[in-house]
C-alpha atoms as a PDB file:
ATOM      1  CA  MET A   1     106.852 -79.997 -63.020  1.00  0.00           C
ATOM      2  CA  SER A   2     104.896 -81.474 -60.099  1.00  0.00           C
ATOM      3  CA  PHE A   3     101.641 -80.154 -58.681  1.00  0.00           C
ATOM      4  CA  SER A   4     103.321 -79.270 -55.383  1.00  0.00           C
ATOM      5  CA  GLU A   5     106.056 -77.273 -57.146  1.00  0.00           C
ATOM      6  CA  VAL A   6     103.475 -75.319 -59.128  1.00  0.00           C
ATOM      7  CA  THR A   7     101.445 -74.715 -55.986  1.00  0.00           C
ATOM      8  CA  LEU A   8     104.480 -73.365 -54.156  1.00  0.00           C
ATOM      9  CA  GLN A   9     105.327 -70.924 -56.950  1.00  0.00           C
ATOM     10  CA  LEU A  10     101.724 -69.758 -57.202  1.00  0.00           C
ATOM     11  CA  LEU A  11     101.509 -69.300 -53.439  1.00  0.00           C
ATOM     12  CA  ASN A  12     104.596 -67.063 -53.546  1.00  0.00           C
ATOM     13  CA  GLY A  13     102.931 -64.961 -56.233  1.00  0.00           C
ATOM     14  CA  PHE A  14      99.633 -64.986 -54.360  1.00  0.00           C
ATOM     15  CA  GLY A  15     101.396 -63.515 -51.337  1.00  0.00           C
ATOM     16  CA  THR A  16     102.339 -60.497 -53.473  1.00  0.00           C
ATOM     17  CA  THR A  17      98.771 -60.304 -54.766  1.00  0.00           C
ATOM     18  CA  CYS A  18      97.362 -60.271 -51.223  1.00  0.00           C
ATOM     19  CA  LEU A  19      99.894 -57.674 -50.068  1.00  0.00           C
ATOM     20  CA  LEU A  20      99.013 -55.376 -52.971  1.00  0.00           C
ATOM     21  CA  PHE A  21      95.311 -55.855 -52.251  1.00  0.00           C
ATOM     22  CA  ILE A  22      95.593 -55.130 -48.521  1.00  0.00           C
ATOM     23  CA  LEU A  23      97.878 -52.107 -48.846  1.00  0.00           C
ATOM     24  CA  THR A  24      95.679 -50.627 -51.567  1.00  0.00           C
ATOM     25  CA  LEU A  25      92.669 -50.800 -49.242  1.00  0.00           C
ATOM     26  CA  VAL A  26      94.616 -49.402 -46.277  1.00  0.00           C
ATOM     27  CA  PHE A  27      95.625 -46.293 -48.216  1.00  0.00           C
ATOM     28  CA  ALA A  28      92.766 -45.891 -50.719  1.00  0.00           C
ATOM     29  CA  ILE A  29      89.850 -46.029 -48.265  1.00  0.00           C
ATOM     30  CA  PRO A  30      90.885 -42.955 -46.195  1.00  0.00           C
ATOM     31  CA  LEU A  31      92.295 -41.152 -49.256  1.00  0.00           C
ATOM     32  CA  GLY A  32      88.996 -41.655 -51.043  1.00  0.00           C
ATOM     33  CA  LEU A  33      87.165 -39.937 -48.167  1.00  0.00           C
ATOM     34  CA  ILE A  34      89.551 -36.966 -48.378  1.00  0.00           C
ATOM     35  CA  ILE A  35      89.036 -36.723 -52.144  1.00  0.00           C
ATOM     36  CA  SER A  36      85.269 -36.847 -51.685  1.00  0.00           C
ATOM     37  CA  PHE A  37      85.469 -33.838 -49.361  1.00  0.00           C
ATOM     38  CA  GLY A  38      87.427 -32.009 -52.058  1.00  0.00           C
ATOM     39  CA  SER A  39      84.795 -32.843 -54.680  1.00  0.00           C
ATOM     40  CA  MET A  40      82.024 -31.519 -52.406  1.00  0.00           C
ATOM     41  CA  THR A  41      83.718 -28.396 -51.092  1.00  0.00           C
ATOM     42  CA  LYS A  42      82.117 -25.010 -51.666  1.00  0.00           C
ATOM     43  CA  PHE A  43      85.491 -23.644 -52.803  1.00  0.00           C
ATOM     44  CA  LYS A  44      84.911 -23.955 -56.553  1.00  0.00           C
ATOM     45  CA  PRO A  45      88.532 -24.075 -57.811  1.00  0.00           C
ATOM     46  CA  LEU A  46      89.315 -27.014 -55.524  1.00  0.00           C
ATOM     47  CA  ARG A  47      86.020 -28.725 -56.353  1.00  0.00           C
ATOM     48  CA  TYR A  48      86.562 -28.433 -60.098  1.00  0.00           C
ATOM     49  CA  LEU A  49      90.183 -29.540 -59.797  1.00  0.00           C
ATOM     50  CA  THR A  50      89.248 -32.564 -57.689  1.00  0.00           C
ATOM     51  CA  ARG A  51      86.367 -33.622 -59.910  1.00  0.00           C
ATOM     52  CA  GLY A  52      88.518 -33.165 -63.011  1.00  0.00           C
ATOM     53  CA  PHE A  53      91.215 -35.404 -61.533  1.00  0.00           C
ATOM     54  CA  VAL A  54      88.644 -38.049 -60.571  1.00  0.00           C
ATOM     55  CA  TRP A  55      87.148 -37.873 -64.070  1.00  0.00           C
ATOM     56  CA  ILE A  56      90.556 -38.490 -65.654  1.00  0.00           C
ATOM     57  CA  ILE A  57      91.406 -41.416 -63.383  1.00  0.00           C
ATOM     58  CA  ARG A  58      88.007 -43.057 -63.791  1.00  0.00           C
ATOM     59  CA  GLY A  59      88.002 -42.455 -67.528  1.00  0.00           C
ATOM     60  CA  THR A  60      91.375 -44.027 -68.352  1.00  0.00           C
ATOM     61  CA  PRO A  61      92.475 -47.689 -68.086  1.00  0.00           C
ATOM     62  CA  LEU A  62      94.240 -48.803 -64.937  1.00  0.00           C
ATOM     63  CA  MET A  63      96.844 -50.505 -67.100  1.00  0.00           C
ATOM     64  CA  LEU A  64      97.724 -47.149 -68.671  1.00  0.00           C
ATOM     65  CA  GLN A  65      97.985 -45.578 -65.217  1.00  0.00           C
ATOM     66  CA  LEU A  66     100.423 -48.304 -64.187  1.00  0.00           C
ATOM     67  CA  PHE A  67     102.650 -47.449 -67.157  1.00  0.00           C
ATOM     68  CA  VAL A  68     102.412 -43.727 -66.404  1.00  0.00           C
ATOM     69  CA  VAL A  69     103.378 -44.124 -62.740  1.00  0.00           C
ATOM     70  CA  PHE A  70     106.251 -46.493 -63.506  1.00  0.00           C
ATOM     71  CA  TYR A  71     107.754 -44.868 -66.606  1.00  0.00           C
ATOM     72  CA  VAL A  72     106.835 -41.162 -66.687  1.00  0.00           C
ATOM     73  CA  PRO A  73     108.813 -40.065 -63.556  1.00  0.00           C
ATOM     74  CA  GLY A  74     111.911 -41.659 -65.059  1.00  0.00           C
ATOM     75  CA  MET A  75     111.331 -39.848 -68.361  1.00  0.00           C
ATOM     76  CA  LEU A  76     110.847 -36.495 -66.614  1.00  0.00           C
ATOM     77  CA  PHE A  77     113.908 -36.766 -64.378  1.00  0.00           C
ATOM     78  CA  ASP A  78     116.014 -38.748 -66.860  1.00  0.00           C
ATOM     79  CA  THR A  79     116.522 -41.602 -64.410  1.00  0.00           C
ATOM     80  CA  PRO A  80     114.547 -44.821 -63.804  1.00  0.00           C
ATOM     81  CA  ILE A  81     113.340 -43.868 -60.333  1.00  0.00           C
ATOM     82  CA  PHE A  82     111.374 -47.014 -59.455  1.00  0.00           C
ATOM     83  CA  ALA A  83     113.973 -49.291 -61.026  1.00  0.00           C
ATOM     84  CA  THR A  84     116.638 -47.954 -58.656  1.00  0.00           C
ATOM     85  CA  ILE A  85     114.794 -48.605 -55.363  1.00  0.00           C
ATOM     86  CA  GLU A  86     114.116 -51.892 -53.649  1.00  0.00           C
ATOM     87  CA  ASN A  87     110.775 -53.396 -54.715  1.00  0.00           C
ATOM     88  CA  GLY A  88     110.338 -50.355 -56.954  1.00  0.00           C
ATOM     89  CA  ARG A  89     107.964 -52.094 -59.342  1.00  0.00           C
ATOM     90  CA  PHE A  90     105.700 -53.106 -56.481  1.00  0.00           C
ATOM     91  CA  VAL A  91     105.774 -49.547 -55.082  1.00  0.00           C
ATOM     92  CA  ALA A  92     104.829 -48.130 -58.493  1.00  0.00           C
ATOM     93  CA  ALA A  93     101.951 -50.592 -58.788  1.00  0.00           C
ATOM     94  CA  LEU A  94     100.774 -49.723 -55.286  1.00  0.00           C
ATOM     95  CA  ILE A  95     100.771 -45.979 -56.055  1.00  0.00           C
ATOM     96  CA  ALA A  96      98.765 -46.523 -59.232  1.00  0.00           C
ATOM     97  CA  PHE A  97      96.254 -48.780 -57.497  1.00  0.00           C
ATOM     98  CA  VAL A  98      95.809 -46.443 -54.530  1.00  0.00           C
ATOM     99  CA  ILE A  99      95.171 -43.422 -56.743  1.00  0.00           C
ATOM    100  CA  ASN A 100      92.784 -45.348 -58.989  1.00  0.00           C
ATOM    101  CA  TYR A 101      90.699 -46.911 -56.245  1.00  0.00           C
ATOM    102  CA  ALA A 102      90.722 -43.804 -54.048  1.00  0.00           C
ATOM    103  CA  CYS A 103      88.975 -41.979 -56.895  1.00  0.00           C
ATOM    104  CA  TYR A 104      86.383 -44.709 -57.274  1.00  0.00           C
ATOM    105  CA  PHE A 105      85.828 -44.862 -53.523  1.00  0.00           C
ATOM    106  CA  SER A 106      85.496 -41.057 -53.396  1.00  0.00           C
ATOM    107  CA  GLU A 107      82.513 -41.161 -55.728  1.00  0.00           C
ATOM    108  CA  ILE A 108      80.891 -43.844 -53.597  1.00  0.00           C
ATOM    109  CA  TYR A 109      81.471 -41.740 -50.490  1.00  0.00           C
ATOM    110  CA  ARG A 110      80.139 -38.633 -52.224  1.00  0.00           C
ATOM    111  CA  GLY A 111      76.993 -40.430 -53.328  1.00  0.00           C
ATOM    112  CA  GLY A 112      76.413 -41.756 -49.824  1.00  0.00           C
ATOM    113  CA  ILE A 113      76.989 -38.408 -48.107  1.00  0.00           C
ATOM    114  CA  GLU A 114      74.842 -36.450 -50.548  1.00  0.00           C
ATOM    115  CA  SER A 115      72.013 -38.977 -50.131  1.00  0.00           C
ATOM    116  CA  ILE A 116      71.487 -37.797 -46.541  1.00  0.00           C
ATOM    117  CA  SER A 117      68.630 -35.303 -46.427  1.00  0.00           C
ATOM    118  CA  LYS A 118      69.348 -31.689 -45.464  1.00  0.00           C
ATOM    119  CA  GLY A 119      66.646 -31.981 -42.811  1.00  0.00           C
ATOM    120  CA  GLN A 120      68.924 -34.166 -40.718  1.00  0.00           C
ATOM    121  CA  TYR A 121      71.658 -31.521 -40.773  1.00  0.00           C
ATOM    122  CA  GLU A 122      69.136 -28.878 -39.780  1.00  0.00           C
ATOM    123  CA  ALA A 123      67.799 -31.018 -36.937  1.00  0.00           C
ATOM    124  CA  CYS A 124      71.328 -31.554 -35.615  1.00  0.00           C
ATOM    125  CA  ALA A 125      71.983 -27.809 -35.779  1.00  0.00           C
ATOM    126  CA  VAL A 126      68.805 -27.161 -33.777  1.00  0.00           C
ATOM    127  CA  LEU A 127      70.021 -29.638 -31.160  1.00  0.00           C
ATOM    128  CA  GLY A 128      73.269 -27.674 -30.871  1.00  0.00           C
ATOM    129  CA  MET A 129      75.526 -30.309 -32.434  1.00  0.00           C
ATOM    130  CA  THR A 130      78.709 -29.195 -34.160  1.00  0.00           C
ATOM    131  CA  LYS A 131      79.433 -30.072 -37.790  1.00  0.00           C
ATOM    132  CA  GLY A 132      81.914 -32.703 -36.634  1.00  0.00           C
ATOM    133  CA  GLN A 133      79.407 -34.295 -34.264  1.00  0.00           C
ATOM    134  CA  THR A 134      76.753 -34.235 -36.965  1.00  0.00           C
ATOM    135  CA  PHE A 135      79.010 -35.964 -39.482  1.00  0.00           C
ATOM    136  CA  PHE A 136      80.500 -38.654 -37.229  1.00  0.00           C
ATOM    137  CA  HIS A 137      77.454 -39.445 -35.074  1.00  0.00           C
ATOM    138  CA  VAL A 138      74.551 -38.952 -37.486  1.00  0.00           C
ATOM    139  CA  VAL A 139      75.700 -38.892 -41.108  1.00  0.00           C
ATOM    140  CA  LEU A 140      78.585 -41.380 -41.155  1.00  0.00           C
ATOM    141  CA  PRO A 141      76.662 -44.363 -39.676  1.00  0.00           C
ATOM    142  CA  GLN A 142      74.000 -43.972 -42.368  1.00  0.00           C
ATOM    143  CA  VAL A 143      76.588 -43.506 -45.110  1.00  0.00           C
ATOM    144  CA  VAL A 144      78.438 -46.673 -44.088  1.00  0.00           C
ATOM    145  CA  LYS A 145      75.205 -48.639 -44.281  1.00  0.00           C
ATOM    146  CA  ARG A 146      74.431 -47.326 -47.761  1.00  0.00           C
ATOM    147  CA  ILE A 147      77.880 -47.710 -49.311  1.00  0.00           C
ATOM    148  CA  ILE A 148      78.606 -51.290 -48.241  1.00  0.00           C
ATOM    149  CA  PRO A 149      77.130 -52.904 -51.411  1.00  0.00           C
ATOM    150  CA  PRO A 150      78.969 -50.666 -53.943  1.00  0.00           C
ATOM    151  CA  MET A 151      82.164 -50.740 -51.869  1.00  0.00           C
ATOM    152  CA  SER A 152      82.058 -54.535 -51.721  1.00  0.00           C
ATOM    153  CA  ASN A 153      81.732 -54.664 -55.515  1.00  0.00           C
ATOM    154  CA  GLU A 154      84.756 -52.397 -55.952  1.00  0.00           C
ATOM    155  CA  ILE A 155      86.816 -54.366 -53.452  1.00  0.00           C
ATOM    156  CA  ILE A 156      86.043 -57.642 -55.229  1.00  0.00           C
ATOM    157  CA  THR A 157      86.989 -55.987 -58.513  1.00  0.00           C
ATOM    158  CA  LEU A 158      90.256 -54.895 -56.896  1.00  0.00           C
ATOM    159  CA  VAL A 159      91.162 -58.525 -56.210  1.00  0.00           C
ATOM    160  CA  LYS A 160      90.956 -59.289 -59.930  1.00  0.00           C
ATOM    161  CA  ASP A 161      92.587 -56.030 -61.001  1.00  0.00           C
ATOM    162  CA  THR A 162      95.736 -56.866 -59.043  1.00  0.00           C
ATOM    163  CA  SER A 163      96.598 -59.195 -61.926  1.00  0.00           C
ATOM    164  CA  LEU A 164      97.305 -56.077 -64.032  1.00  0.00           C
ATOM    165  CA  ALA A 165     100.413 -55.403 -61.931  1.00  0.00           C
ATOM    166  CA  ARG A 166     102.217 -58.016 -63.999  1.00  0.00           C
ATOM    167  CA  VAL A 167     102.427 -55.557 -66.937  1.00  0.00           C
ATOM    168  CA  ILE A 168     105.247 -53.783 -65.082  1.00  0.00           C
ATOM    169  CA  SER A 169     106.738 -57.146 -64.045  1.00  0.00           C
ATOM    170  CA  VAL A 170     105.391 -57.348 -60.499  1.00  0.00           C
ATOM    171  CA  ILE A 171     105.639 -61.041 -59.639  1.00  0.00           C
ATOM    172  CA  ASP A 172     102.046 -61.764 -58.655  1.00  0.00           C
ATOM    173  CA  ILE A 173     100.201 -65.053 -59.010  1.00  0.00           C
ATOM    174  CA  VAL A 174      99.319 -64.531 -62.694  1.00  0.00           C
ATOM    175  CA  PHE A 175     102.919 -63.549 -63.490  1.00  0.00           C
ATOM    176  CA  ALA A 176     104.057 -66.771 -61.785  1.00  0.00           C
ATOM    177  CA  ALA A 177     101.550 -68.831 -63.788  1.00  0.00           C
ATOM    178  CA  GLU A 178     102.618 -67.166 -67.049  1.00  0.00           C
ATOM    179  CA  THR A 179     106.272 -67.847 -66.224  1.00  0.00           C
ATOM    180  CA  ILE A 180     105.503 -71.538 -65.791  1.00  0.00           C
ATOM    181  CA  LEU A 181     103.603 -71.468 -69.090  1.00  0.00           C
ATOM    182  CA  SER A 182     106.524 -69.918 -70.982  1.00  0.00           C
ATOM    183  CA  LEU A 183     109.216 -72.106 -69.426  1.00  0.00           C
ATOM    184  CA  ARG A 184     107.377 -75.417 -69.094  1.00  0.00           C
ATOM    185  CA  ALA A 185     104.595 -75.094 -71.690  1.00  0.00           C
ATOM    186  CA  LEU A 186     102.009 -75.917 -69.027  1.00  0.00           C
ATOM    187  CA  MET A 187      98.611 -74.303 -69.466  1.00  0.00           C
ATOM    188  CA  TRP A 188      96.819 -75.655 -66.400  1.00  0.00           C
ATOM    189  CA  PRO A 189      98.650 -73.420 -63.844  1.00  0.00           C
ATOM    190  CA  LEU A 190      96.770 -70.433 -65.337  1.00  0.00           C
ATOM    191  CA  PHE A 191      93.439 -72.070 -64.521  1.00  0.00           C
ATOM    192  CA  TYR A 192      94.841 -73.080 -61.140  1.00  0.00           C
ATOM    193  CA  ALA A 193      95.678 -69.417 -60.499  1.00  0.00           C
ATOM    194  CA  GLY A 194      92.095 -68.533 -61.418  1.00  0.00           C
ATOM    195  CA  ALA A 195      90.919 -70.882 -58.677  1.00  0.00           C
ATOM    196  CA  PHE A 196      92.867 -68.814 -56.123  1.00  0.00           C
ATOM    197  CA  TYR A 197      90.978 -65.688 -57.202  1.00  0.00           C
ATOM    198  CA  LEU A 198      87.669 -67.550 -57.140  1.00  0.00           C
ATOM    199  CA  VAL A 199      88.172 -68.798 -53.582  1.00  0.00           C
ATOM    200  CA  PHE A 200      89.449 -65.416 -52.363  1.00  0.00           C
ATOM    201  CA  ASN A 201      86.471 -63.570 -53.842  1.00  0.00           C
ATOM    202  CA  GLY A 202      84.124 -66.207 -52.464  1.00  0.00           C
ATOM    203  CA  LEU A 203      85.430 -65.569 -48.961  1.00  0.00           C
ATOM    204  CA  LEU A 204      85.082 -61.804 -49.437  1.00  0.00           C
ATOM    205  CA  THR A 205      81.503 -62.256 -50.649  1.00  0.00           C
ATOM    206  CA  LEU A 206      80.648 -64.212 -47.515  1.00  0.00           C
ATOM    207  CA  LEU A 207      82.347 -61.572 -45.362  1.00  0.00           C
ATOM    208  CA  PHE A 208      80.434 -58.687 -46.912  1.00  0.00           C
ATOM    209  CA  GLY A 209      77.188 -60.623 -46.661  1.00  0.00           C
ATOM    210  CA  PHE A 210      77.852 -61.099 -42.945  1.00  0.00           C
ATOM    211  CA  VAL A 211      78.608 -57.385 -42.499  1.00  0.00           C
ATOM    212  CA  GLU A 212      75.396 -56.388 -44.274  1.00  0.00           C
ATOM    213  CA  LYS A 213      73.350 -58.669 -42.032  1.00  0.00           C
ATOM    214  CA  LYS A 214      75.062 -57.248 -38.951  1.00  0.00           C
ATOM    215  CA  MET A 215      74.011 -53.767 -39.994  1.00  0.00           C
ATOM    216  CA  ASP A 216      70.384 -54.695 -40.624  1.00  0.00           C
ATOM    217  CA  TYR A 217      69.533 -53.316 -37.195  1.00  0.00           C
ATOM    218  CA  TYR A 218      70.217 -49.855 -38.569  1.00  0.00           C
ATOM    219  CA  LYS A 219      67.477 -49.047 -41.035  1.00  0.00           C
ATOM    220  CA  VAL A 220      67.780 -46.111 -43.384  1.00  0.00           C
END
């Protein structure tokens, strides 16, 4: 099997990897903010329920969550739900990834929001600002500055975690490399696939470094 043929197959799998990565961020980033509000609410039943859910998701393996999302609905309703819809395996993986990373992001958000001193809220109230104005114009800019490093770490971890989608037969880049290994007995495509992850994460590292420097003007 030629180098170009292997590259083409890996690129097809890498396209799925990138799509899973991007869609997870699109849905998990705003969902994580919503979950963080639930974990900070003064309504105790909702706060305890939200924090309990986050604790479960953060305390169990992502691989197990993939199996639960893909298989459990079918067991409950006695029909393989995700197996009967187009790209069902990818959809199941996306749901599991979004839930998992939204919970991790929610804790980062919560830590950032709670790090803002109460004095700033009081000062905004004295100035006649509403709670919405206080959050979006005073609190949020500071939170964004503070959460960039931990968020960047989680996002880079997400790139590598996408390889777990193969356990429910999502054809990502690692699945493609393993298929070549099983059919052609070629080991080097696995290391070649690793190079894709290395380059992708290298570009993300440069991007986040650039963003951090851009926000240096805002000191907290």
